[in-house]
Amino acid sequence: LVLITAYEHYAIKAFKYSAIDYLLKPINLHELQLAIEK
C-alpha cells in the first residue's frame, strides 16, 4: 500500500495499515517510482 494525500495528520493511521510509503501532494514521478520500488 502507498498512500497519497495533502494531509500529514493521517500518517500514523496509515502505517497502522502497513503502508509502504506516504506521499504528500503534489507528488512527482521520482517519489512515486521510489514508493513503487519499495
PDB file of all heavy atoms in Angstrom:
ATOM      1  N   LEU A   1       0.830  -1.204   0.000  1.00  0.00           N
ATOM      2  CA  LEU A   1       0.000   0.000   0.000  1.00  0.00           C
ATOM      3  C   LEU A   1       0.864   1.252   0.000  1.00  0.00           C
ATOM      4  O   LEU A   1       1.798   1.372   0.790  1.00  0.00           O
ATOM      5  CB  LEU A   1      -0.885  -0.017   1.256  1.00  0.00           C
ATOM      6  CG  LEU A   1      -1.715   1.207   1.593  1.00  0.00           C
ATOM      7  CD1 LEU A   1      -2.786   1.458   0.537  1.00  0.00           C
ATOM      8  CD2 LEU A   1      -2.350   1.030   2.975  1.00  0.00           C
ATOM      9  N   VAL A   2       0.525   2.183  -0.906  1.00  0.00           N
ATOM     10  CA  VAL A   2       1.144   3.511  -0.940  1.00  0.00           C
ATOM     11  C   VAL A   2       0.014   4.523  -0.819  1.00  0.00           C
ATOM     12  O   VAL A   2      -0.937   4.475  -1.602  1.00  0.00           O
ATOM     13  CB  VAL A   2       1.920   3.758  -2.256  1.00  0.00           C
ATOM     14  CG1 VAL A   2       2.420   5.198  -2.331  1.00  0.00           C
ATOM     15  CG2 VAL A   2       3.076   2.772  -2.395  1.00  0.00           C
ATOM     16  N   LEU A   3       0.111   5.412   0.148  1.00  0.00           N
ATOM     17  CA  LEU A   3      -0.914   6.428   0.330  1.00  0.00           C
ATOM     18  C   LEU A   3      -0.406   7.788  -0.116  1.00  0.00           C
ATOM     19  O   LEU A   3       0.748   8.140   0.099  1.00  0.00           O
ATOM     20  CB  LEU A   3      -1.360   6.483   1.790  1.00  0.00           C
ATOM     21  CG  LEU A   3      -2.071   5.212   2.269  1.00  0.00           C
ATOM     22  CD1 LEU A   3      -2.390   5.308   3.751  1.00  0.00           C
ATOM     23  CD2 LEU A   3      -3.328   4.962   1.465  1.00  0.00           C
ATOM     24  N   ILE A   4      -1.307   8.528  -0.764  1.00  0.00           N
ATOM     25  CA  ILE A   4      -1.010   9.874  -1.259  1.00  0.00           C
ATOM     26  C   ILE A   4      -2.056  10.809  -0.674  1.00  0.00           C
ATOM     27  O   ILE A   4      -3.250  10.515  -0.734  1.00  0.00           O
ATOM     28  CB  ILE A   4      -1.078   9.908  -2.802  1.00  0.00           C
ATOM     29  CG1 ILE A   4      -0.053   8.945  -3.398  1.00  0.00           C
ATOM     30  CG2 ILE A   4      -0.864  11.328  -3.313  1.00  0.00           C
ATOM     31  CD1 ILE A   4      -0.188   8.765  -4.897  1.00  0.00           C
ATOM     32  N   THR A   5      -1.609  11.926  -0.131  1.00  0.00           N
ATOM     33  CA  THR A   5      -2.561  12.851   0.474  1.00  0.00           C
ATOM     34  C   THR A   5      -1.960  14.256   0.589  1.00  0.00           C
ATOM     35  O   THR A   5      -0.756  14.428   0.475  1.00  0.00           O
ATOM     36  CB  THR A   5      -2.989  12.356   1.879  1.00  0.00           C
ATOM     37  OG1 THR A   5      -4.012  13.203   2.381  1.00  0.00           O
ATOM     38  CG2 THR A   5      -1.817  12.333   2.831  1.00  0.00           C
ATOM     39  N   ALA A   6      -2.827  15.198   0.831  1.00  0.00           N
ATOM     40  CA  ALA A   6      -2.380  16.565   1.092  1.00  0.00           C
ATOM     41  C   ALA A   6      -2.284  16.816   2.598  1.00  0.00           C
ATOM     42  O   ALA A   6      -1.915  17.902   3.029  1.00  0.00           O
ATOM     43  CB  ALA A   6      -3.356  17.553   0.459  1.00  0.00           C
ATOM     44  N   TYR A   7      -2.613  15.792   3.393  1.00  0.00           N
ATOM     45  CA  TYR A   7      -2.706  15.965   4.844  1.00  0.00           C
ATOM     46  C   TYR A   7      -1.685  15.100   5.570  1.00  0.00           C
ATOM     47  O   TYR A   7      -1.673  13.879   5.428  1.00  0.00           O
ATOM     48  CB  TYR A   7      -4.116  15.591   5.327  1.00  0.00           C
ATOM     49  CG  TYR A   7      -5.190  16.322   4.560  1.00  0.00           C
ATOM     50  CD1 TYR A   7      -5.844  15.707   3.494  1.00  0.00           C
ATOM     51  CD2 TYR A   7      -5.532  17.633   4.872  1.00  0.00           C
ATOM     52  CE1 TYR A   7      -6.825  16.377   2.777  1.00  0.00           C
ATOM     53  CE2 TYR A   7      -6.503  18.304   4.154  1.00  0.00           C
ATOM     54  CZ  TYR A   7      -7.145  17.672   3.107  1.00  0.00           C
ATOM     55  OH  TYR A   7      -8.107  18.340   2.398  1.00  0.00           O
ATOM     56  N   GLU A   8      -0.863  15.722   6.392  1.00  0.00           N
ATOM     57  CA  GLU A   8       0.154  14.994   7.146  1.00  0.00           C
ATOM     58  C   GLU A   8      -0.425  14.199   8.309  1.00  0.00           C
ATOM     59  O   GLU A   8       0.147  13.194   8.719  1.00  0.00           O
ATOM     60  CB  GLU A   8       1.201  15.975   7.690  1.00  0.00           C
ATOM     61  CG  GLU A   8       2.038  16.620   6.626  1.00  0.00           C
ATOM     62  CD  GLU A   8       3.032  17.609   7.201  1.00  0.00           C
ATOM     63  OE1 GLU A   8       3.039  17.848   8.425  1.00  0.00           O
ATOM     64  OE2 GLU A   8       3.817  18.152   6.401  1.00  0.00           O
ATOM     65  N   HIS A   9      -1.550  14.620   8.851  1.00  0.00           N
ATOM     66  CA  HIS A   9      -2.037  14.044  10.104  1.00  0.00           C
ATOM     67  C   HIS A   9      -2.582  12.615   9.988  1.00  0.00           C
ATOM     68  O   HIS A   9      -2.928  12.014  10.989  1.00  0.00           O
ATOM     69  CB  HIS A   9      -3.079  14.964  10.756  1.00  0.00           C
ATOM     70  CG  HIS A   9      -4.320  15.172   9.954  1.00  0.00           C
ATOM     71  ND1 HIS A   9      -4.402  16.133   8.976  1.00  0.00           N
ATOM     72  CD2 HIS A   9      -5.512  14.545   9.981  1.00  0.00           C
ATOM     73  CE1 HIS A   9      -5.614  16.089   8.434  1.00  0.00           C
ATOM     74  NE2 HIS A   9      -6.299  15.138   9.027  1.00  0.00           N
ATOM     75  N   TYR A  10      -2.626  12.038   8.797  1.00  0.00           N
ATOM     76  CA  TYR A  10      -3.060  10.650   8.647  1.00  0.00           C
ATOM     77  C   TYR A  10      -1.896   9.662   8.700  1.00  0.00           C
ATOM     78  O   TYR A  10      -2.096   8.459   8.616  1.00  0.00           O
ATOM     79  CB  TYR A  10      -3.780  10.458   7.308  1.00  0.00           C
ATOM     80  CG  TYR A  10      -5.140  11.098   7.230  1.00  0.00           C
ATOM     81  CD1 TYR A  10      -5.339  12.239   6.453  1.00  0.00           C
ATOM     82  CD2 TYR A  10      -6.236  10.561   7.900  1.00  0.00           C
ATOM     83  CE1 TYR A  10      -6.590  12.825   6.359  1.00  0.00           C
ATOM     84  CE2 TYR A  10      -7.487  11.136   7.807  1.00  0.00           C
ATOM     85  CZ  TYR A  10      -7.659  12.274   7.033  1.00  0.00           C
ATOM     86  OH  TYR A  10      -8.890  12.849   6.939  1.00  0.00           O
ATOM     87  N   ALA A  11      -0.683  10.135   8.833  1.00  0.00           N
ATOM     88  CA  ALA A  11       0.494   9.273   8.710  1.00  0.00           C
ATOM     89  C   ALA A  11       0.498   8.115   9.701  1.00  0.00           C
ATOM     90  O   ALA A  11       0.754   6.973   9.322  1.00  0.00           O
ATOM     91  CB  ALA A  11       1.769  10.104   8.851  1.00  0.00           C
ATOM     92  N   ILE A  12       0.216   8.370  10.951  1.00  0.00           N
ATOM     93  CA  ILE A  12       0.252   7.302  11.951  1.00  0.00           C
ATOM     94  C   ILE A  12      -0.786   6.233  11.630  1.00  0.00           C
ATOM     95  O   ILE A  12      -0.491   5.036  11.656  1.00  0.00           O
ATOM     96  CB  ILE A  12       0.059   7.872  13.372  1.00  0.00           C
ATOM     97  CG1 ILE A  12       1.280   8.712  13.734  1.00  0.00           C
ATOM     98  CG2 ILE A  12      -0.160   6.756  14.386  1.00  0.00           C
ATOM     99  CD1 ILE A  12       1.165   9.476  15.017  1.00  0.00           C
ATOM    100  N   LYS A  13      -1.989   6.660  11.284  1.00  0.00           N
ATOM    101  CA  LYS A  13      -3.021   5.692  10.931  1.00  0.00           C
ATOM    102  C   LYS A  13      -2.618   4.910   9.674  1.00  0.00           C
ATOM    103  O   LYS A  13      -2.864   3.716   9.576  1.00  0.00           O
ATOM    104  CB  LYS A  13      -4.361   6.406  10.707  1.00  0.00           C
ATOM    105  CG  LYS A  13      -5.531   5.471  10.618  1.00  0.00           C
ATOM    106  CD  LYS A  13      -6.852   6.223  10.662  1.00  0.00           C
ATOM    107  CE  LYS A  13      -8.018   5.259  10.687  1.00  0.00           C
ATOM    108  NZ  LYS A  13      -9.299   5.952  10.726  1.00  0.00           N
ATOM    109  N   ALA A  14      -1.973   5.575   8.736  1.00  0.00           N
ATOM    110  CA  ALA A  14      -1.533   4.914   7.503  1.00  0.00           C
ATOM    111  C   ALA A  14      -0.562   3.784   7.806  1.00  0.00           C
ATOM    112  O   ALA A  14      -0.671   2.686   7.240  1.00  0.00           O
ATOM    113  CB  ALA A  14      -0.877   5.936   6.576  1.00  0.00           C
ATOM    114  N   PHE A  15       0.359   4.019   8.688  1.00  0.00           N
ATOM    115  CA  PHE A  15       1.342   2.990   8.992  1.00  0.00           C
ATOM    116  C   PHE A  15       0.764   1.874   9.859  1.00  0.00           C
ATOM    117  O   PHE A  15       1.287   0.764   9.857  1.00  0.00           O
ATOM    118  CB  PHE A  15       2.612   3.605   9.583  1.00  0.00           C
ATOM    119  CG  PHE A  15       3.367   4.359   8.524  1.00  0.00           C
ATOM    120  CD1 PHE A  15       3.416   5.739   8.543  1.00  0.00           C
ATOM    121  CD2 PHE A  15       3.988   3.688   7.479  1.00  0.00           C
ATOM    122  CE1 PHE A  15       4.079   6.436   7.542  1.00  0.00           C
ATOM    123  CE2 PHE A  15       4.652   4.371   6.476  1.00  0.00           C
ATOM    124  CZ  PHE A  15       4.696   5.745   6.506  1.00  0.00           C
ATOM    125  N   LYS A  16      -0.328   2.131  10.539  1.00  0.00           N
ATOM    126  CA  LYS A  16      -1.028   1.052  11.247  1.00  0.00           C
ATOM    127  C   LYS A  16      -1.622   0.053  10.259  1.00  0.00           C
ATOM    128  O   LYS A  16      -1.857  -1.093  10.599  1.00  0.00           O
ATOM    129  CB  LYS A  16      -2.104   1.618  12.175  1.00  0.00           C
ATOM    130  CG  LYS A  16      -1.518   2.288  13.393  1.00  0.00           C
ATOM    131  CD  LYS A  16      -2.575   2.775  14.340  1.00  0.00           C
ATOM    132  CE  LYS A  16      -1.899   3.432  15.527  1.00  0.00           C
ATOM    133  NZ  LYS A  16      -2.836   3.906  16.531  1.00  0.00           N
ATOM    134  N   TYR A  17      -1.860   0.510   9.037  1.00  0.00           N
ATOM    135  CA  TYR A  17      -2.343  -0.372   7.972  1.00  0.00           C
ATOM    136  C   TYR A  17      -1.176  -0.858   7.100  1.00  0.00           C
ATOM    137  O   TYR A  17      -1.396  -1.328   5.994  1.00  0.00           O
ATOM    138  CB  TYR A  17      -3.387   0.346   7.117  1.00  0.00           C
ATOM    139  CG  TYR A  17      -4.740   0.399   7.773  1.00  0.00           C
ATOM    140  CD1 TYR A  17      -5.105   1.479   8.568  1.00  0.00           C
ATOM    141  CD2 TYR A  17      -5.657  -0.643   7.613  1.00  0.00           C
ATOM    142  CE1 TYR A  17      -6.347   1.522   9.177  1.00  0.00           C
ATOM    143  CE2 TYR A  17      -6.891  -0.605   8.224  1.00  0.00           C
ATOM    144  CZ  TYR A  17      -7.231   0.477   9.004  1.00  0.00           C
ATOM    145  OH  TYR A  17      -8.467   0.526   9.621  1.00  0.00           O
ATOM    146  N   SER A  18       0.031  -0.734   7.604  1.00  0.00           N
ATOM    147  CA  SER A  18       1.240  -1.219   6.932  1.00  0.00           C
ATOM    148  C   SER A  18       1.508  -0.555   5.591  1.00  0.00           C
ATOM    149  O   SER A  18       1.967  -1.209   4.652  1.00  0.00           O
ATOM    150  CB  SER A  18       1.184  -2.742   6.772  1.00  0.00           C
ATOM    151  OG  SER A  18       1.068  -3.371   8.019  1.00  0.00           O
ATOM    152  N   ALA A  19       1.237   0.727   5.496  1.00  0.00           N
ATOM    153  CA  ALA A  19       1.563   1.451   4.268  1.00  0.00           C
ATOM    154  C   ALA A  19       3.074   1.403   4.061  1.00  0.00           C
ATOM    155  O   ALA A  19       3.842   1.625   4.990  1.00  0.00           O
ATOM    156  CB  ALA A  19       1.082   2.894   4.348  1.00  0.00           C
ATOM    157  N   ILE A  20       3.477   1.123   2.835  1.00  0.00           N
ATOM    158  CA  ILE A  20       4.901   1.079   2.496  1.00  0.00           C
ATOM    159  C   ILE A  20       5.452   2.502   2.386  1.00  0.00           C
ATOM    160  O   ILE A  20       6.591   2.762   2.724  1.00  0.00           O
ATOM    161  CB  ILE A  20       5.117   0.328   1.166  1.00  0.00           C
ATOM    162  CG1 ILE A  20       4.641  -1.117   1.269  1.00  0.00           C
ATOM    163  CG2 ILE A  20       6.574   0.399   0.705  1.00  0.00           C
ATOM    164  CD1 ILE A  20       5.439  -2.009   2.167  1.00  0.00           C
ATOM    165  N   ASP A  21       4.614   3.426   1.897  1.00  0.00           N
ATOM    166  CA  ASP A  21       5.052   4.811   1.775  1.00  0.00           C
ATOM    167  C   ASP A  21       3.852   5.734   1.930  1.00  0.00           C
ATOM    168  O   ASP A  21       2.700   5.316   1.790  1.00  0.00           O
ATOM    169  CB  ASP A  21       5.741   5.055   0.429  1.00  0.00           C
ATOM    170  CG  ASP A  21       6.855   6.090   0.537  1.00  0.00           C
ATOM    171  OD1 ASP A  21       6.800   6.959   1.430  1.00  0.00           O
ATOM    172  OD2 ASP A  21       7.784   6.026  -0.285  1.00  0.00           O
ATOM    173  N   TYR A  22       4.139   6.991   2.230  1.00  0.00           N
ATOM    174  CA  TYR A  22       3.137   8.022   2.487  1.00  0.00           C
ATOM    175  C   TYR A  22       3.621   9.272   1.784  1.00  0.00           C
ATOM    176  O   TYR A  22       4.565   9.912   2.238  1.00  0.00           O
ATOM    177  CB  TYR A  22       3.039   8.232   4.002  1.00  0.00           C
ATOM    178  CG  TYR A  22       1.935   9.131   4.484  1.00  0.00           C
ATOM    179  CD1 TYR A  22       0.683   8.613   4.777  1.00  0.00           C
ATOM    180  CD2 TYR A  22       2.156  10.492   4.686  1.00  0.00           C
ATOM    181  CE1 TYR A  22      -0.327   9.429   5.262  1.00  0.00           C
ATOM    182  CE2 TYR A  22       1.146  11.316   5.156  1.00  0.00           C
ATOM    183  CZ  TYR A  22      -0.086  10.776   5.446  1.00  0.00           C
ATOM    184  OH  TYR A  22      -1.084  11.571   5.923  1.00  0.00           O
ATOM    185  N   LEU A  23       3.028   9.570   0.635  1.00  0.00           N
ATOM    186  CA  LEU A  23       3.483  10.691  -0.183  1.00  0.00           C
ATOM    187  C   LEU A  23       2.554  11.892  -0.018  1.00  0.00           C
ATOM    188  O   LEU A  23       1.335  11.736  -0.071  1.00  0.00           O
ATOM    189  CB  LEU A  23       3.518  10.283  -1.659  1.00  0.00           C
ATOM    190  CG  LEU A  23       4.344   9.035  -1.990  1.00  0.00           C
ATOM    191  CD1 LEU A  23       4.221   8.714  -3.475  1.00  0.00           C
ATOM    192  CD2 LEU A  23       5.787   9.211  -1.586  1.00  0.00           C
ATOM    193  N   LEU A  24       3.157  13.050   0.157  1.00  0.00           N
ATOM    194  CA  LEU A  24       2.370  14.277   0.254  1.00  0.00           C
ATOM    195  C   LEU A  24       2.240  14.916  -1.120  1.00  0.00           C
ATOM    196  O   LEU A  24       3.200  14.951  -1.896  1.00  0.00           O
ATOM    197  CB  LEU A  24       3.022  15.260   1.225  1.00  0.00           C
ATOM    198  CG  LEU A  24       2.981  14.853   2.700  1.00  0.00           C
ATOM    199  CD1 LEU A  24       3.766  15.841   3.538  1.00  0.00           C
ATOM    200  CD2 LEU A  24       1.545  14.755   3.197  1.00  0.00           C
ATOM    201  N   LYS A  25       1.033  15.395  -1.418  1.00  0.00           N
ATOM    202  CA  LYS A  25       0.785  16.088  -2.687  1.00  0.00           C
ATOM    203  C   LYS A  25       1.447  17.446  -2.661  1.00  0.00           C
ATOM    204  O   LYS A  25       1.521  18.061  -1.602  1.00  0.00           O
ATOM    205  CB  LYS A  25      -0.727  16.252  -2.915  1.00  0.00           C
ATOM    206  CG  LYS A  25      -1.427  14.953  -3.202  1.00  0.00           C
ATOM    207  CD  LYS A  25      -2.906  15.202  -3.429  1.00  0.00           C
ATOM    208  CE  LYS A  25      -3.648  13.913  -3.712  1.00  0.00           C
ATOM    209  NZ  LYS A  25      -5.069  14.132  -3.931  1.00  0.00           N
ATOM    210  N   PRO A  26       1.902  17.948  -3.755  1.00  0.00           N
ATOM    211  CA  PRO A  26       1.881  17.309  -5.068  1.00  0.00           C
ATOM    212  C   PRO A  26       3.041  16.321  -5.187  1.00  0.00           C
ATOM    213  O   PRO A  26       4.161  16.606  -4.760  1.00  0.00           O
ATOM    214  CB  PRO A  26       2.073  18.480  -6.041  1.00  0.00           C
ATOM    215  CG  PRO A  26       2.861  19.489  -5.259  1.00  0.00           C
ATOM    216  CD  PRO A  26       2.438  19.311  -3.823  1.00  0.00           C
ATOM    217  N   ILE A  27       2.759  15.152  -5.760  1.00  0.00           N
ATOM    218  CA  ILE A  27       3.803  14.147  -5.922  1.00  0.00           C
ATOM    219  C   ILE A  27       4.506  14.355  -7.255  1.00  0.00           C
ATOM    220  O   ILE A  27       4.007  15.065  -8.120  1.00  0.00           O
ATOM    221  CB  ILE A  27       3.235  12.710  -5.845  1.00  0.00           C
ATOM    222  CG1 ILE A  27       2.280  12.437  -7.003  1.00  0.00           C
ATOM    223  CG2 ILE A  27       2.585  12.464  -4.512  1.00  0.00           C
ATOM    224  CD1 ILE A  27       2.018  10.964  -7.232  1.00  0.00           C
ATOM    225  N   ASN A  28       5.662  13.724  -7.385  1.00  0.00           N
ATOM    226  CA  ASN A  28       6.366  13.766  -8.663  1.00  0.00           C
ATOM    227  C   ASN A  28       6.727  12.336  -9.069  1.00  0.00           C
ATOM    228  O   ASN A  28       6.584  11.398  -8.276  1.00  0.00           O
ATOM    229  CB  ASN A  28       7.594  14.682  -8.598  1.00  0.00           C
ATOM    230  CG  ASN A  28       8.621  14.217  -7.588  1.00  0.00           C
ATOM    231  OD1 ASN A  28       9.053  13.075  -7.604  1.00  0.00           O
ATOM    232  ND2 ASN A  28       9.023  15.113  -6.692  1.00  0.00           N
ATOM    233  N   LEU A  29       7.179  12.187 -10.282  1.00  0.00           N
ATOM    234  CA  LEU A  29       7.489  10.866 -10.827  1.00  0.00           C
ATOM    235  C   LEU A  29       8.519  10.138  -9.974  1.00  0.00           C
ATOM    236  O   LEU A  29       8.359   8.959  -9.670  1.00  0.00           O
ATOM    237  CB  LEU A  29       7.984  10.988 -12.275  1.00  0.00           C
ATOM    238  CG  LEU A  29       8.455   9.699 -12.954  1.00  0.00           C
ATOM    239  CD1 LEU A  29       7.334   8.684 -13.024  1.00  0.00           C
ATOM    240  CD2 LEU A  29       9.010   9.993 -14.338  1.00  0.00           C
ATOM    241  N   HIS A  30       9.554  10.830  -9.566  1.00  0.00           N
ATOM    242  CA  HIS A  30      10.623  10.189  -8.798  1.00  0.00           C
ATOM    243  C   HIS A  30      10.102   9.627  -7.468  1.00  0.00           C
ATOM    244  O   HIS A  30      10.436   8.508  -7.087  1.00  0.00           O
ATOM    245  CB  HIS A  30      11.769  11.181  -8.564  1.00  0.00           C
ATOM    246  CG  HIS A  30      12.934  10.583  -7.849  1.00  0.00           C
ATOM    247  ND1 HIS A  30      13.740   9.617  -8.410  1.00  0.00           N
ATOM    248  CD2 HIS A  30      13.418  10.801  -6.604  1.00  0.00           C
ATOM    249  CE1 HIS A  30      14.674   9.274  -7.541  1.00  0.00           C
ATOM    250  NE2 HIS A  30      14.504   9.981  -6.435  1.00  0.00           N
ATOM    251  N   GLU A  31       9.295  10.415  -6.755  1.00  0.00           N
ATOM    252  CA  GLU A  31       8.725   9.944  -5.477  1.00  0.00           C
ATOM    253  C   GLU A  31       7.865   8.701  -5.684  1.00  0.00           C
ATOM    254  O   GLU A  31       7.964   7.739  -4.916  1.00  0.00           O
ATOM    255  CB  GLU A  31       7.851  11.030  -4.850  1.00  0.00           C
ATOM    256  CG  GLU A  31       8.583  12.183  -4.243  1.00  0.00           C
ATOM    257  CD  GLU A  31       7.603  13.208  -3.687  1.00  0.00           C
ATOM    258  OE1 GLU A  31       6.579  13.498  -4.324  1.00  0.00           O
ATOM    259  OE2 GLU A  31       7.898  13.714  -2.596  1.00  0.00           O
ATOM    260  N   LEU A  32       7.020   8.742  -6.707  1.00  0.00           N
ATOM    261  CA  LEU A  32       6.147   7.601  -6.969  1.00  0.00           C
ATOM    262  C   LEU A  32       6.968   6.380  -7.371  1.00  0.00           C
ATOM    263  O   LEU A  32       6.699   5.272  -6.911  1.00  0.00           O
ATOM    264  CB  LEU A  32       5.118   7.941  -8.053  1.00  0.00           C
ATOM    265  CG  LEU A  32       4.074   6.857  -8.313  1.00  0.00           C
ATOM    266  CD1 LEU A  32       3.239   6.580  -7.064  1.00  0.00           C
ATOM    267  CD2 LEU A  32       3.169   7.263  -9.462  1.00  0.00           C
ATOM    268  N   GLN A  33       7.981   6.578  -8.174  1.00  0.00           N
ATOM    269  CA  GLN A  33       8.839   5.477  -8.592  1.00  0.00           C
ATOM    270  C   GLN A  33       9.520   4.834  -7.378  1.00  0.00           C
ATOM    271  O   GLN A  33       9.541   3.614  -7.251  1.00  0.00           O
ATOM    272  CB  GLN A  33       9.894   5.969  -9.582  1.00  0.00           C
ATOM    273  CG  GLN A  33      10.828   4.868 -10.052  1.00  0.00           C
ATOM    274  CD  GLN A  33      11.849   5.359 -11.061  1.00  0.00           C
ATOM    275  OE1 GLN A  33      11.976   6.557 -11.306  1.00  0.00           O
ATOM    276  NE2 GLN A  33      12.571   4.437 -11.645  1.00  0.00           N
ATOM    277  N   LEU A  34      10.057   5.647  -6.487  1.00  0.00           N
ATOM    278  CA  LEU A  34      10.699   5.108  -5.288  1.00  0.00           C
ATOM    279  C   LEU A  34       9.715   4.329  -4.415  1.00  0.00           C
ATOM    280  O   LEU A  34      10.047   3.270  -3.879  1.00  0.00           O
ATOM    281  CB  LEU A  34      11.350   6.234  -4.476  1.00  0.00           C
ATOM    282  CG  LEU A  34      12.579   6.886  -5.109  1.00  0.00           C
ATOM    283  CD1 LEU A  34      13.056   8.064  -4.245  1.00  0.00           C
ATOM    284  CD2 LEU A  34      13.699   5.888  -5.314  1.00  0.00           C
ATOM    285  N   ALA A  35       8.504   4.854  -4.291  1.00  0.00           N
ATOM    286  CA  ALA A  35       7.487   4.172  -3.488  1.00  0.00           C
ATOM    287  C   ALA A  35       7.129   2.820  -4.099  1.00  0.00           C
ATOM    288  O   ALA A  35       7.031   1.809  -3.384  1.00  0.00           O
ATOM    289  CB  ALA A  35       6.240   5.052  -3.367  1.00  0.00           C
ATOM    290  N   ILE A  36       6.936   2.782  -5.402  1.00  0.00           N
ATOM    291  CA  ILE A  36       6.596   1.522  -6.069  1.00  0.00           C
ATOM    292  C   ILE A  36       7.769   0.543  -5.984  1.00  0.00           C
ATOM    293  O   ILE A  36       7.568  -0.657  -5.773  1.00  0.00           O
ATOM    294  CB  ILE A  36       6.152   1.769  -7.525  1.00  0.00           C
ATOM    295  CG1 ILE A  36       4.812   2.511  -7.533  1.00  0.00           C
ATOM    296  CG2 ILE A  36       6.038   0.451  -8.293  1.00  0.00           C
ATOM    297  CD1 ILE A  36       4.338   2.962  -8.908  1.00  0.00           C
ATOM    298  N   GLU A  37       8.997   1.037  -6.106  1.00  0.00           N
ATOM    299  CA  GLU A  37      10.165   0.164  -5.969  1.00  0.00           C
ATOM    300  C   GLU A  37      10.242  -0.443  -4.571  1.00  0.00           C
ATOM    301  O   GLU A  37      10.623  -1.602  -4.413  1.00  0.00           O
ATOM    302  CB  GLU A  37      11.445   0.926  -6.303  1.00  0.00           C
ATOM    303  CG  GLU A  37      11.602   1.175  -7.789  1.00  0.00           C
ATOM    304  CD  GLU A  37      12.769   2.092  -8.142  1.00  0.00           C
ATOM    305  OE1 GLU A  37      13.472   2.589  -7.213  1.00  0.00           O
ATOM    306  OE2 GLU A  37      12.981   2.310  -9.348  1.00  0.00           O
ATOM    307  N   LYS A  38       9.872   0.317  -3.538  1.00  0.00           N
ATOM    308  CA  LYS A  38       9.812  -0.233  -2.184  1.00  0.00           C
ATOM    309  C   LYS A  38       8.798  -1.365  -2.123  1.00  0.00           C
ATOM    310  O   LYS A  38       9.031  -2.399  -1.492  1.00  0.00           O
ATOM    311  CB  LYS A  38       9.399   0.845  -1.172  1.00  0.00           C
ATOM    312  CG  LYS A  38      10.451   1.822  -0.808  1.00  0.00           C
ATOM    313  CD  LYS A  38       9.887   2.779   0.259  1.00  0.00           C
ATOM    314  CE  LYS A  38      10.684   4.024   0.390  1.00  0.00           C
ATOM    315  NZ  LYS A  38      10.069   4.957   1.356  1.00  0.00           N
TER     316      LYS A  38
END
